[in-house]
Amino acid sequence: MRHRELLPCAPRQWQRYKVSGLSSLSTLHESQSFSGVAMTWLRIAMIALLAGAVHFIGTRLIRGFRMRFMARLHNAEQLRRAETLARVFRYLTTVVVALVAGLLILSELGVSVAPILGAAGVVGLAVGFGAQSLVRDYFTGFFLLLENQLATGDVVQVADKSGTVEDVTLRYLQLRDYEGNVHFIPNGLITTVTNMSRGYAYAVMDVGIAYREDVDKALEAMRTTAAALRTDPAFAAHILEDFELAGVERLGDSGVYLRGRFKVEALQQWDVRREYFRRLKRVFDEQGIEFPFTRMALHAEAAGEGTASARRLRQLDPQA
């Protein structure tokens, strides 16, 4: 009897157990999905933190090597090169860390990295053909830095532009000229580099005098002015050797041009030349040596008091 009473209740209890089991499985699945998403974002956060830590450590190591390397250097040229290379290495570190972290984050989000890499290879090949100038810029910039052709702070002339190097990257060169204009020159356009900041320089002086002046007297005045400048404490430290007097350089249309030069420290040639010309002008004035200037001579015909040329000359100058 008790067994019969329990039989009708069995299907209802089974249905109750079945519904409760399905709801438990659904809750378990939702909890597992939520935990999976949470773990995915946790791994992404860990990748980002690890990338930031690697970038921080890399930049600190580069800075430490730069400081230790610069502490052993006493040459301004080598110091500028160390600063330029450190800036480029920091840039490369940032690019590499960001690229690797981005690929790892995409893989965590379920994006297949292999097709991206394959597509990047194809796209890179197409870009290599279509943007050859861009590729040439990077290759040229790499060899500019590798061969130490220029560095930050150098005064150079490239691509018909002159100025002080403010920044050197693998893509372009940033120059600021004497007027303050900033020029951005792609490295692919650089075929010749004229660097005026390496080792030493020559302050070349081309001085003109009138034809009627005594050349030997002018040369002696140039030599005396150079000796006085060589002993001046304000310029003696920048002048490396005594004045080298070459002599007569050329015969111009209105005067004789003399040449001499000082061997000076790099980037000091302009200051030494300006000071030399200032002193030489005063010496020439004291000795009565005349600088050349354009002259014009008017000639009248010998028998031509009544000629047309003579009449025009009298109209211009009644005393002629």
C-alpha atoms as a PDB file:
ATOM      1  CA  MET A   1       0.000   0.000   0.000  1.00  0.00           C
ATOM      2  CA  ARG A   2       2.772   2.332   0.857  1.00  0.00           C
ATOM      3  CA  HIS A   3       4.519   1.313  -2.310  1.00  0.00           C
ATOM      4  CA  ARG A   4       1.498   2.238  -4.441  1.00  0.00           C
ATOM      5  CA  GLU A   5       1.199   5.659  -2.835  1.00  0.00           C
ATOM      6  CA  LEU A   6       4.804   6.456  -3.652  1.00  0.00           C
ATOM      7  CA  LEU A   7       4.568   5.499  -7.328  1.00  0.00           C
ATOM      8  CA  PRO A   8       2.377   8.416  -8.525  1.00  0.00           C
ATOM      9  CA  CYS A   9       4.701  10.869  -6.831  1.00  0.00           C
ATOM     10  CA  ALA A  10       7.861   9.616  -8.522  1.00  0.00           C
ATOM     11  CA  PRO A  11       7.406  11.385 -11.888  1.00  0.00           C
ATOM     12  CA  ARG A  12       6.751  14.715 -10.224  1.00  0.00           C
ATOM     13  CA  GLN A  13       9.805  14.386  -8.009  1.00  0.00           C
ATOM     14  CA  TRP A  14      11.929  13.388 -11.011  1.00  0.00           C
ATOM     15  CA  GLN A  15      10.787  16.436 -12.910  1.00  0.00           C
ATOM     16  CA  ARG A  16      11.629  18.592  -9.897  1.00  0.00           C
ATOM     17  CA  TYR A  17      15.078  17.052  -9.652  1.00  0.00           C
ATOM     18  CA  LYS A  18      15.583  17.439 -13.406  1.00  0.00           C
ATOM     19  CA  VAL A  19      14.711  21.154 -13.414  1.00  0.00           C
ATOM     20  CA  SER A  20      16.900  21.802 -10.400  1.00  0.00           C
ATOM     21  CA  GLY A  21      19.774  19.936 -12.069  1.00  0.00           C
ATOM     22  CA  LEU A  22      19.458  21.918 -15.289  1.00  0.00           C
ATOM     23  CA  SER A  23      19.403  25.204 -13.401  1.00  0.00           C
ATOM     24  CA  SER A  24      22.489  24.103 -11.485  1.00  0.00           C
ATOM     25  CA  LEU A  25      24.292  23.253 -14.717  1.00  0.00           C
ATOM     26  CA  SER A  26      23.300  26.610 -16.232  1.00  0.00           C
ATOM     27  CA  THR A  27      24.522  28.443 -13.161  1.00  0.00           C
ATOM     28  CA  LEU A  28      27.759  26.462 -13.250  1.00  0.00           C
ATOM     29  CA  HIS A  29      28.235  27.248 -16.951  1.00  0.00           C
ATOM     30  CA  GLU A  30      27.593  30.956 -16.372  1.00  0.00           C
ATOM     31  CA  SER A  31      30.010  30.998 -13.467  1.00  0.00           C
ATOM     32  CA  GLN A  32      32.635  29.249 -15.579  1.00  0.00           C
ATOM     33  CA  SER A  33      32.100  31.725 -18.446  1.00  0.00           C
ATOM     34  CA  PHE A  34      32.379  34.655 -16.082  1.00  0.00           C
ATOM     35  CA  SER A  35      35.511  33.230 -14.516  1.00  0.00           C
ATOM     36  CA  GLY A  36      36.971  32.625 -17.997  1.00  0.00           C
ATOM     37  CA  VAL A  37      36.360  36.245 -19.025  1.00  0.00           C
ATOM     38  CA  ALA A  38      37.778  37.460 -15.743  1.00  0.00           C
ATOM     39  CA  MET A  39      40.886  35.331 -16.223  1.00  0.00           C
ATOM     40  CA  THR A  40      41.275  36.635 -19.765  1.00  0.00           C
ATOM     41  CA  TRP A  41      41.187  40.257 -18.628  1.00  0.00           C
ATOM     42  CA  LEU A  42      43.463  39.399 -15.735  1.00  0.00           C
ATOM     43  CA  ARG A  43      46.020  37.949 -18.146  1.00  0.00           C
ATOM     44  CA  ILE A  44      45.694  41.028 -20.378  1.00  0.00           C
ATOM     45  CA  ALA A  45      46.294  43.255 -17.370  1.00  0.00           C
ATOM     46  CA  MET A  46      49.324  41.175 -16.426  1.00  0.00           C
ATOM     47  CA  ILE A  47      50.696  41.452 -19.982  1.00  0.00           C
ATOM     48  CA  ALA A  48      50.243  45.225 -19.907  1.00  0.00           C
ATOM     49  CA  LEU A  49      51.920  45.484 -16.512  1.00  0.00           C
ATOM     50  CA  LEU A  50      54.769  43.231 -17.628  1.00  0.00           C
ATOM     51  CA  ALA A  51      55.234  45.271 -20.799  1.00  0.00           C
ATOM     52  CA  GLY A  52      55.352  48.472 -18.754  1.00  0.00           C
ATOM     53  CA  ALA A  53      57.882  46.919 -16.385  1.00  0.00           C
ATOM     54  CA  VAL A  54      60.074  45.710 -19.272  1.00  0.00           C
ATOM     55  CA  HIS A  55      59.925  49.135 -20.902  1.00  0.00           C
ATOM     56  CA  PHE A  56      60.775  50.842 -17.622  1.00  0.00           C
ATOM     57  CA  ILE A  57      63.684  48.510 -16.926  1.00  0.00           C
ATOM     58  CA  GLY A  58      64.957  48.802 -20.509  1.00  0.00           C
ATOM     59  CA  THR A  59      64.919  52.597 -20.484  1.00  0.00           C
ATOM     60  CA  ARG A  60      66.587  52.676 -17.073  1.00  0.00           C
ATOM     61  CA  LEU A  61      69.313  50.316 -18.281  1.00  0.00           C
ATOM     62  CA  ILE A  62      69.874  52.455 -21.374  1.00  0.00           C
ATOM     63  CA  ARG A  63      70.038  55.560 -19.209  1.00  0.00           C
ATOM     64  CA  GLY A  64      72.439  53.869 -16.812  1.00  0.00           C
ATOM     65  CA  PHE A  65      74.752  52.747 -19.617  1.00  0.00           C
ATOM     66  CA  ARG A  66      74.603  56.233 -21.120  1.00  0.00           C
ATOM     67  CA  MET A  67      75.513  57.917 -17.830  1.00  0.00           C
ATOM     68  CA  ARG A  68      78.329  55.449 -17.166  1.00  0.00           C
ATOM     69  CA  PHE A  69      79.634  55.797 -20.716  1.00  0.00           C
ATOM     70  CA  MET A  70      79.427  59.586 -20.671  1.00  0.00           C
ATOM     71  CA  ALA A  71      81.233  59.745 -17.325  1.00  0.00           C
ATOM     72  CA  ARG A  72      84.319  58.282 -19.004  1.00  0.00           C
ATOM     73  CA  LEU A  73      84.210  60.684 -21.933  1.00  0.00           C
ATOM     74  CA  HIS A  74      85.661  64.162 -22.070  1.00  0.00           C
ATOM     75  CA  ASN A  75      85.140  64.894 -25.747  1.00  0.00           C
ATOM     76  CA  ALA A  76      82.042  66.912 -26.616  1.00  0.00           C
ATOM     77  CA  GLU A  77      81.708  65.087 -29.931  1.00  0.00           C
ATOM     78  CA  GLN A  78      81.561  61.670 -28.267  1.00  0.00           C
ATOM     79  CA  LEU A  79      79.126  62.972 -25.662  1.00  0.00           C
ATOM     80  CA  ARG A  80      76.740  64.126 -28.386  1.00  0.00           C
ATOM     81  CA  ARG A  81      77.017  60.746 -30.118  1.00  0.00           C
ATOM     82  CA  ALA A  82      76.235  58.879 -26.880  1.00  0.00           C
ATOM     83  CA  GLU A  83      73.157  61.039 -26.324  1.00  0.00           C
ATOM     84  CA  THR A  84      71.926  60.463 -29.869  1.00  0.00           C
ATOM     85  CA  LEU A  85      72.395  56.683 -29.708  1.00  0.00           C
ATOM     86  CA  ALA A  86      70.649  56.512 -26.331  1.00  0.00           C
ATOM     87  CA  ARG A  87      67.626  58.337 -27.764  1.00  0.00           C
ATOM     88  CA  VAL A  88      67.438  55.938 -30.712  1.00  0.00           C
ATOM     89  CA  PHE A  89      67.722  52.861 -28.477  1.00  0.00           C
ATOM     90  CA  ARG A  90      64.923  54.158 -26.247  1.00  0.00           C
ATOM     91  CA  TYR A  91      62.737  54.594 -29.321  1.00  0.00           C
ATOM     92  CA  LEU A  92      63.487  51.046 -30.529  1.00  0.00           C
ATOM     93  CA  THR A  93      62.775  49.626 -27.071  1.00  0.00           C
ATOM     94  CA  THR A  94      59.381  51.319 -27.002  1.00  0.00           C
ATOM     95  CA  VAL A  95      58.450  50.028 -30.463  1.00  0.00           C
ATOM     96  CA  VAL A  96      59.511  46.421 -29.775  1.00  0.00           C
ATOM     97  CA  VAL A  97      57.812  46.200 -26.372  1.00  0.00           C
ATOM     98  CA  ALA A  98      54.577  47.719 -27.697  1.00  0.00           C
ATOM     99  CA  LEU A  99      54.539  45.347 -30.695  1.00  0.00           C
ATOM    100  CA  VAL A 100      55.101  42.187 -28.639  1.00  0.00           C
ATOM    101  CA  ALA A 101      52.560  43.225 -25.996  1.00  0.00           C
ATOM    102  CA  GLY A 102      49.972  44.011 -28.673  1.00  0.00           C
ATOM    103  CA  LEU A 103      50.368  40.572 -30.272  1.00  0.00           C
ATOM    104  CA  LEU A 104      50.043  38.817 -26.901  1.00  0.00           C
ATOM    105  CA  ILE A 105      46.915  40.798 -26.023  1.00  0.00           C
ATOM    106  CA  LEU A 106      45.332  39.943 -29.379  1.00  0.00           C
ATOM    107  CA  SER A 107      46.005  36.254 -28.794  1.00  0.00           C
ATOM    108  CA  GLU A 108      44.342  36.471 -25.364  1.00  0.00           C
ATOM    109  CA  LEU A 109      41.280  38.056 -26.957  1.00  0.00           C
ATOM    110  CA  GLY A 110      40.978  35.078 -29.271  1.00  0.00           C
ATOM    111  CA  VAL A 111      42.371  36.749 -32.358  1.00  0.00           C
ATOM    112  CA  SER A 112      44.648  34.420 -34.303  1.00  0.00           C
ATOM    113  CA  VAL A 113      48.079  35.992 -34.584  1.00  0.00           C
ATOM    114  CA  ALA A 114      49.393  33.729 -37.370  1.00  0.00           C
ATOM    115  CA  PRO A 115      47.145  35.214 -40.115  1.00  0.00           C
ATOM    116  CA  ILE A 116      48.034  38.690 -38.929  1.00  0.00           C
ATOM    117  CA  LEU A 117      51.717  37.915 -39.187  1.00  0.00           C
ATOM    118  CA  GLY A 118      51.212  36.390 -42.622  1.00  0.00           C
ATOM    119  CA  ALA A 119      49.165  39.357 -43.772  1.00  0.00           C
ATOM    120  CA  ALA A 120      51.761  41.684 -42.290  1.00  0.00           C
ATOM    121  CA  GLY A 121      54.425  39.950 -44.381  1.00  0.00           C
ATOM    122  CA  VAL A 122      52.390  40.393 -47.561  1.00  0.00           C
ATOM    123  CA  VAL A 123      51.469  43.964 -46.685  1.00  0.00           C
ATOM    124  CA  GLY A 124      55.075  44.672 -45.768  1.00  0.00           C
ATOM    125  CA  LEU A 125      56.191  43.387 -49.154  1.00  0.00           C
ATOM    126  CA  ALA A 126      53.632  45.571 -50.912  1.00  0.00           C
ATOM    127  CA  VAL A 127      54.568  48.576 -48.796  1.00  0.00           C
ATOM    128  CA  GLY A 128      58.229  47.883 -49.518  1.00  0.00           C
ATOM    129  CA  PHE A 129      57.535  48.235 -53.246  1.00  0.00           C
ATOM    130  CA  GLY A 130      55.132  51.130 -52.898  1.00  0.00           C
ATOM    131  CA  ALA A 131      57.011  53.115 -50.250  1.00  0.00           C
ATOM    132  CA  GLN A 132      60.605  52.664 -51.271  1.00  0.00           C
ATOM    133  CA  SER A 133      61.458  56.183 -50.163  1.00  0.00           C
ATOM    134  CA  LEU A 134      60.257  55.378 -46.633  1.00  0.00           C
ATOM    135  CA  VAL A 135      62.384  52.228 -46.515  1.00  0.00           C
ATOM    136  CA  ARG A 136      65.344  54.198 -47.855  1.00  0.00           C
ATOM    137  CA  ASP A 137      64.839  56.776 -45.102  1.00  0.00           C
ATOM    138  CA  TYR A 138      65.127  54.110 -42.400  1.00  0.00           C
ATOM    139  CA  PHE A 139      68.147  52.406 -43.938  1.00  0.00           C
ATOM    140  CA  THR A 140      69.935  55.717 -44.464  1.00  0.00           C
ATOM    141  CA  GLY A 141      69.151  56.826 -40.920  1.00  0.00           C
ATOM    142  CA  PHE A 142      70.496  53.558 -39.543  1.00  0.00           C
ATOM    143  CA  PHE A 143      73.824  53.957 -41.336  1.00  0.00           C
ATOM    144  CA  LEU A 144      74.044  57.649 -40.437  1.00  0.00           C
ATOM    145  CA  LEU A 145      73.988  56.652 -36.779  1.00  0.00           C
ATOM    146  CA  LEU A 146      76.098  53.521 -37.208  1.00  0.00           C
ATOM    147  CA  GLU A 147      78.887  55.386 -39.017  1.00  0.00           C
ATOM    148  CA  ASN A 148      78.642  58.378 -36.673  1.00  0.00           C
ATOM    149  CA  GLN A 149      78.296  60.866 -39.509  1.00  0.00           C
ATOM    150  CA  LEU A 150      76.386  63.320 -37.335  1.00  0.00           C
ATOM    151  CA  ALA A 151      74.922  63.655 -33.858  1.00  0.00           C
ATOM    152  CA  THR A 152      72.730  65.972 -31.842  1.00  0.00           C
ATOM    153  CA  GLY A 153      74.362  69.385 -31.453  1.00  0.00           C
ATOM    154  CA  ASP A 154      76.507  69.180 -34.600  1.00  0.00           C
ATOM    155  CA  VAL A 155      76.463  71.976 -37.149  1.00  0.00           C
ATOM    156  CA  VAL A 156      76.010  70.350 -40.540  1.00  0.00           C
ATOM    157  CA  GLN A 157      75.032  71.049 -44.119  1.00  0.00           C
ATOM    158  CA  VAL A 158      72.786  68.460 -45.770  1.00  0.00           C
ATOM    159  CA  ALA A 159      70.364  68.659 -48.694  1.00  0.00           C
ATOM    160  CA  ASP A 160      71.176  72.359 -49.291  1.00  0.00           C
ATOM    161  CA  LYS A 161      70.240  73.198 -45.686  1.00  0.00           C
ATOM    162  CA  SER A 162      72.594  74.248 -42.891  1.00  0.00           C
ATOM    163  CA  GLY A 163      71.997  74.402 -39.178  1.00  0.00           C
ATOM    164  CA  THR A 164      72.351  72.762 -35.793  1.00  0.00           C
ATOM    165  CA  VAL A 165      71.144  69.178 -35.444  1.00  0.00           C
ATOM    166  CA  GLU A 166      68.341  69.110 -32.882  1.00  0.00           C
ATOM    167  CA  ASP A 167      67.115  65.557 -33.384  1.00  0.00           C
ATOM    168  CA  VAL A 168      68.213  62.458 -35.294  1.00  0.00           C
ATOM    169  CA  THR A 169      65.811  59.573 -35.858  1.00  0.00           C
ATOM    170  CA  LEU A 170      65.721  56.644 -38.233  1.00  0.00           C
ATOM    171  CA  ARG A 171      63.163  58.556 -40.300  1.00  0.00           C
ATOM    172  CA  TYR A 172      64.293  62.171 -40.510  1.00  0.00           C
ATOM    173  CA  LEU A 173      66.843  64.764 -39.448  1.00  0.00           C
ATOM    174  CA  GLN A 174      65.752  67.939 -37.657  1.00  0.00           C
ATOM    175  CA  LEU A 175      67.846  71.074 -38.244  1.00  0.00           C
ATOM    176  CA  ARG A 176      67.519  74.612 -36.908  1.00  0.00           C
ATOM    177  CA  ASP A 177      69.254  77.305 -38.943  1.00  0.00           C
ATOM    178  CA  TYR A 178      70.734  80.634 -37.838  1.00  0.00           C
ATOM    179  CA  GLU A 179      67.388  82.436 -38.265  1.00  0.00           C
ATOM    180  CA  GLY A 180      65.598  79.916 -36.057  1.00  0.00           C
ATOM    181  CA  ASN A 181      63.837  78.052 -38.852  1.00  0.00           C
ATOM    182  CA  VAL A 182      63.401  74.322 -38.281  1.00  0.00           C
ATOM    183  CA  HIS A 183      63.981  71.980 -41.233  1.00  0.00           C
ATOM    184  CA  PHE A 184      62.792  68.354 -41.254  1.00  0.00           C
ATOM    185  CA  ILE A 185      64.863  66.463 -43.823  1.00  0.00           C
ATOM    186  CA  PRO A 186      64.030  62.818 -44.670  1.00  0.00           C
ATOM    187  CA  ASN A 187      67.126  60.692 -44.344  1.00  0.00           C
ATOM    188  CA  GLY A 188      66.634  59.324 -47.850  1.00  0.00           C
ATOM    189  CA  LEU A 189      67.405  62.774 -49.284  1.00  0.00           C
ATOM    190  CA  ILE A 190      70.785  62.931 -47.557  1.00  0.00           C
ATOM    191  CA  THR A 191      73.537  62.039 -49.993  1.00  0.00           C
ATOM    192  CA  THR A 192      76.357  64.194 -48.613  1.00  0.00           C
ATOM    193  CA  VAL A 193      76.939  65.332 -45.033  1.00  0.00           C
ATOM    194  CA  THR A 194      79.195  68.315 -44.365  1.00  0.00           C
ATOM    195  CA  ASN A 195      79.911  68.266 -40.646  1.00  0.00           C
ATOM    196  CA  MET A 196      81.497  71.440 -39.244  1.00  0.00           C
ATOM    197  CA  SER A 197      81.728  70.179 -35.662  1.00  0.00           C
ATOM    198  CA  ARG A 198      84.340  67.428 -35.753  1.00  0.00           C
ATOM    199  CA  GLY A 199      87.752  67.803 -34.149  1.00  0.00           C
ATOM    200  CA  TYR A 200      88.847  71.214 -35.352  1.00  0.00           C
ATOM    201  CA  ALA A 201      88.088  73.829 -37.989  1.00  0.00           C
ATOM    202  CA  TYR A 202      89.805  76.625 -39.880  1.00  0.00           C
ATOM    203  CA  ALA A 203      88.784  80.254 -39.607  1.00  0.00           C
ATOM    204  CA  VAL A 204      89.655  81.433 -43.123  1.00  0.00           C
ATOM    205  CA  MET A 205      90.109  85.198 -43.648  1.00  0.00           C
ATOM    206  CA  ASP A 206      89.904  86.662 -47.145  1.00  0.00           C
ATOM    207  CA  VAL A 207      90.862  90.347 -46.966  1.00  0.00           C
ATOM    208  CA  GLY A 208      90.673  92.731 -49.915  1.00  0.00           C
ATOM    209  CA  ILE A 209      92.761  95.884 -50.388  1.00  0.00           C
ATOM    210  CA  ALA A 210      92.771  98.496 -53.141  1.00  0.00           C
ATOM    211  CA  TYR A 211      95.196  98.093 -56.035  1.00  0.00           C
ATOM    212  CA  ARG A 212      97.154 101.198 -55.095  1.00  0.00           C
ATOM    213  CA  GLU A 213      97.939  99.882 -51.578  1.00  0.00           C
ATOM    214  CA  ASP A 214     101.192  98.176 -50.620  1.00  0.00           C
ATOM    215  CA  VAL A 215     100.597  94.418 -50.428  1.00  0.00           C
ATOM    216  CA  ASP A 216     103.514  93.780 -48.050  1.00  0.00           C
ATOM    217  CA  LYS A 217     102.242  96.450 -45.674  1.00  0.00           C
ATOM    218  CA  ALA A 218      98.773  94.883 -45.671  1.00  0.00           C
ATOM    219  CA  LEU A 219     100.218  91.419 -45.058  1.00  0.00           C
ATOM    220  CA  GLU A 220     102.208  92.714 -42.108  1.00  0.00           C
ATOM    221  CA  ALA A 221      99.062  94.332 -40.704  1.00  0.00           C
ATOM    222  CA  MET A 222      97.227  91.016 -40.993  1.00  0.00           C
ATOM    223  CA  ARG A 223     100.073  89.202 -39.257  1.00  0.00           C
ATOM    224  CA  THR A 224     100.218  91.759 -36.412  1.00  0.00           C
ATOM    225  CA  THR A 225      96.445  91.602 -35.872  1.00  0.00           C
ATOM    226  CA  ALA A 226      96.554  87.804 -35.756  1.00  0.00           C
ATOM    227  CA  ALA A 227      99.365  87.818 -33.177  1.00  0.00           C
ATOM    228  CA  ALA A 228      97.388  90.171 -30.937  1.00  0.00           C
ATOM    229  CA  LEU A 229      94.295  87.991 -31.222  1.00  0.00           C
ATOM    230  CA  ARG A 230      96.348  84.869 -30.465  1.00  0.00           C
ATOM    231  CA  THR A 231      97.466  86.306 -27.124  1.00  0.00           C
ATOM    232  CA  ASP A 232      94.002  87.512 -26.074  1.00  0.00           C
ATOM    233  CA  PRO A 233      92.832  85.365 -23.109  1.00  0.00           C
ATOM    234  CA  ALA A 234      89.268  85.402 -24.413  1.00  0.00           C
ATOM    235  CA  PHE A 235      90.302  83.666 -27.660  1.00  0.00           C
ATOM    236  CA  ALA A 236      93.620  81.979 -26.882  1.00  0.00           C
ATOM    237  CA  ALA A 237      91.934  78.827 -25.575  1.00  0.00           C
ATOM    238  CA  HIS A 238      89.980  78.414 -28.826  1.00  0.00           C
ATOM    239  CA  ILE A 239      92.913  78.994 -31.215  1.00  0.00           C
ATOM    240  CA  LEU A 240      94.985  75.838 -31.647  1.00  0.00           C
ATOM    241  CA  GLU A 241      97.855  77.079 -33.832  1.00  0.00           C
ATOM    242  CA  ASP A 242      99.490  80.324 -34.931  1.00  0.00           C
ATOM    243  CA  PHE A 243      98.167  82.323 -37.832  1.00  0.00           C
ATOM    244  CA  GLU A 244      98.958  80.855 -41.231  1.00  0.00           C
ATOM    245  CA  LEU A 245      99.346  83.606 -43.829  1.00  0.00           C
ATOM    246  CA  ALA A 246      98.931  82.255 -47.354  1.00  0.00           C
ATOM    247  CA  GLY A 247      99.520  85.543 -49.187  1.00  0.00           C
ATOM    248  CA  VAL A 248      97.819  86.901 -52.294  1.00  0.00           C
ATOM    249  CA  GLU A 249      94.825  84.749 -53.139  1.00  0.00           C
ATOM    250  CA  ARG A 250      93.541  86.444 -56.273  1.00  0.00           C
ATOM    251  CA  LEU A 251      93.333  89.687 -58.219  1.00  0.00           C
ATOM    252  CA  GLY A 252      89.756  90.886 -58.312  1.00  0.00           C
ATOM    253  CA  ASP A 253      87.976  93.488 -60.399  1.00  0.00           C
ATOM    254  CA  SER A 254      88.479  96.242 -57.851  1.00  0.00           C
ATOM    255  CA  GLY A 255      91.246  95.030 -55.522  1.00  0.00           C
ATOM    256  CA  VAL A 256      93.809  92.493 -54.404  1.00  0.00           C
ATOM    257  CA  TYR A 257      92.590  89.749 -52.089  1.00  0.00           C
ATOM    258  CA  LEU A 258      94.798  88.273 -49.372  1.00  0.00           C
ATOM    259  CA  ARG A 259      94.191  85.043 -47.457  1.00  0.00           C
ATOM    260  CA  GLY A 260      95.136  83.646 -44.058  1.00  0.00           C
ATOM    261  CA  ARG A 261      93.650  81.219 -41.556  1.00  0.00           C
ATOM    262  CA  PHE A 262      93.565  80.129 -37.918  1.00  0.00           C
ATOM    263  CA  LYS A 263      93.244  76.525 -36.788  1.00  0.00           C
ATOM    264  CA  VAL A 264      90.585  76.647 -34.075  1.00  0.00           C
ATOM    265  CA  GLU A 265      88.328  74.383 -32.064  1.00  0.00           C
ATOM    266  CA  ALA A 266      85.206  73.092 -33.759  1.00  0.00           C
ATOM    267  CA  LEU A 267      82.322  75.597 -33.862  1.00  0.00           C
ATOM    268  CA  GLN A 268      84.652  78.474 -32.919  1.00  0.00           C
ATOM    269  CA  GLN A 269      85.624  79.476 -36.453  1.00  0.00           C
ATOM    270  CA  TRP A 270      82.843  82.026 -36.828  1.00  0.00           C
ATOM    271  CA  ASP A 271      83.547  83.859 -33.565  1.00  0.00           C
ATOM    272  CA  VAL A 272      87.283  83.994 -34.269  1.00  0.00           C
ATOM    273  CA  ARG A 273      86.711  85.259 -37.819  1.00  0.00           C
ATOM    274  CA  ARG A 274      84.343  88.017 -36.679  1.00  0.00           C
ATOM    275  CA  GLU A 275      86.727  89.237 -33.993  1.00  0.00           C
ATOM    276  CA  TYR A 276      89.663  89.163 -36.401  1.00  0.00           C
ATOM    277  CA  PHE A 277      87.837  91.252 -38.999  1.00  0.00           C
ATOM    278  CA  ARG A 278      86.782  93.752 -36.330  1.00  0.00           C
ATOM    279  CA  ARG A 279      90.375  94.246 -35.205  1.00  0.00           C
ATOM    280  CA  LEU A 280      91.771  94.287 -38.737  1.00  0.00           C
ATOM    281  CA  LYS A 281      89.365  97.071 -39.752  1.00  0.00           C
ATOM    282  CA  ARG A 282      90.698  99.242 -36.947  1.00  0.00           C
ATOM    283  CA  VAL A 283      94.324  98.492 -37.871  1.00  0.00           C
ATOM    284  CA  PHE A 284      93.707  99.303 -41.537  1.00  0.00           C
ATOM    285  CA  ASP A 285      92.069 102.577 -40.559  1.00  0.00           C
ATOM    286  CA  GLU A 286      95.047 103.512 -38.361  1.00  0.00           C
ATOM    287  CA  GLN A 287      97.555 102.710 -41.101  1.00  0.00           C
ATOM    288  CA  GLY A 288      95.510 104.255 -43.899  1.00  0.00           C
ATOM    289  CA  ILE A 289      95.096 101.038 -45.853  1.00  0.00           C
ATOM    290  CA  GLU A 290      92.099 101.279 -48.131  1.00  0.00           C
ATOM    291  CA  PHE A 291      89.622  98.491 -48.769  1.00  0.00           C
ATOM    292  CA  PRO A 292      88.586  97.930 -52.381  1.00  0.00           C
ATOM    293  CA  PHE A 293      85.463  99.499 -53.779  1.00  0.00           C
ATOM    294  CA  THR A 294      83.984  99.744 -57.219  1.00  0.00           C
ATOM    295  CA  ARG A 295      85.450 102.541 -59.347  1.00  0.00           C
ATOM    296  CA  MET A 296      84.223 103.959 -62.629  1.00  0.00           C
ATOM    297  CA  ALA A 297      86.356 105.996 -65.057  1.00  0.00           C
ATOM    298  CA  LEU A 298      84.908 108.233 -67.794  1.00  0.00           C
ATOM    299  CA  HIS A 299      86.996 108.867 -70.900  1.00  0.00           C
ATOM    300  CA  ALA A 300      86.305 111.659 -73.449  1.00  0.00           C
ATOM    301  CA  GLU A 301      87.495 111.619 -77.025  1.00  0.00           C
ATOM    302  CA  ALA A 302      90.733 113.514 -77.556  1.00  0.00           C
ATOM    303  CA  ALA A 303      89.492 115.823 -80.305  1.00  0.00           C
ATOM    304  CA  GLY A 304      85.948 115.862 -79.273  1.00  0.00           C
ATOM    305  CA  GLU A 305      84.989 119.026 -77.475  1.00  0.00           C
ATOM    306  CA  GLY A 306      82.019 119.166 -79.820  1.00  0.00           C
ATOM    307  CA  THR A 307      81.306 115.472 -80.065  1.00  0.00           C
ATOM    308  CA  ALA A 308      78.092 113.988 -78.788  1.00  0.00           C
ATOM    309  CA  SER A 309      79.871 112.108 -75.989  1.00  0.00           C
ATOM    310  CA  ALA A 310      81.527 115.302 -74.770  1.00  0.00           C
ATOM    311  CA  ARG A 311      78.239 117.183 -74.828  1.00  0.00           C
ATOM    312  CA  ARG A 312      76.561 114.459 -72.790  1.00  0.00           C
ATOM    313  CA  LEU A 313      79.461 114.521 -70.326  1.00  0.00           C
ATOM    314  CA  ARG A 314      79.111 118.321 -69.871  1.00  0.00           C
ATOM    315  CA  GLN A 315      75.374 117.900 -69.298  1.00  0.00           C
ATOM    316  CA  LEU A 316      76.096 115.450 -66.510  1.00  0.00           C
ATOM    317  CA  ASP A 317      78.997 117.407 -65.041  1.00  0.00           C
ATOM    318  CA  PRO A 318      79.309 121.088 -66.146  1.00  0.00           C
ATOM    319  CA  GLN A 319      82.900 121.235 -64.828  1.00  0.00           C
ATOM    320  CA  ALA A 320      84.068 118.397 -67.108  1.00  0.00           C
END
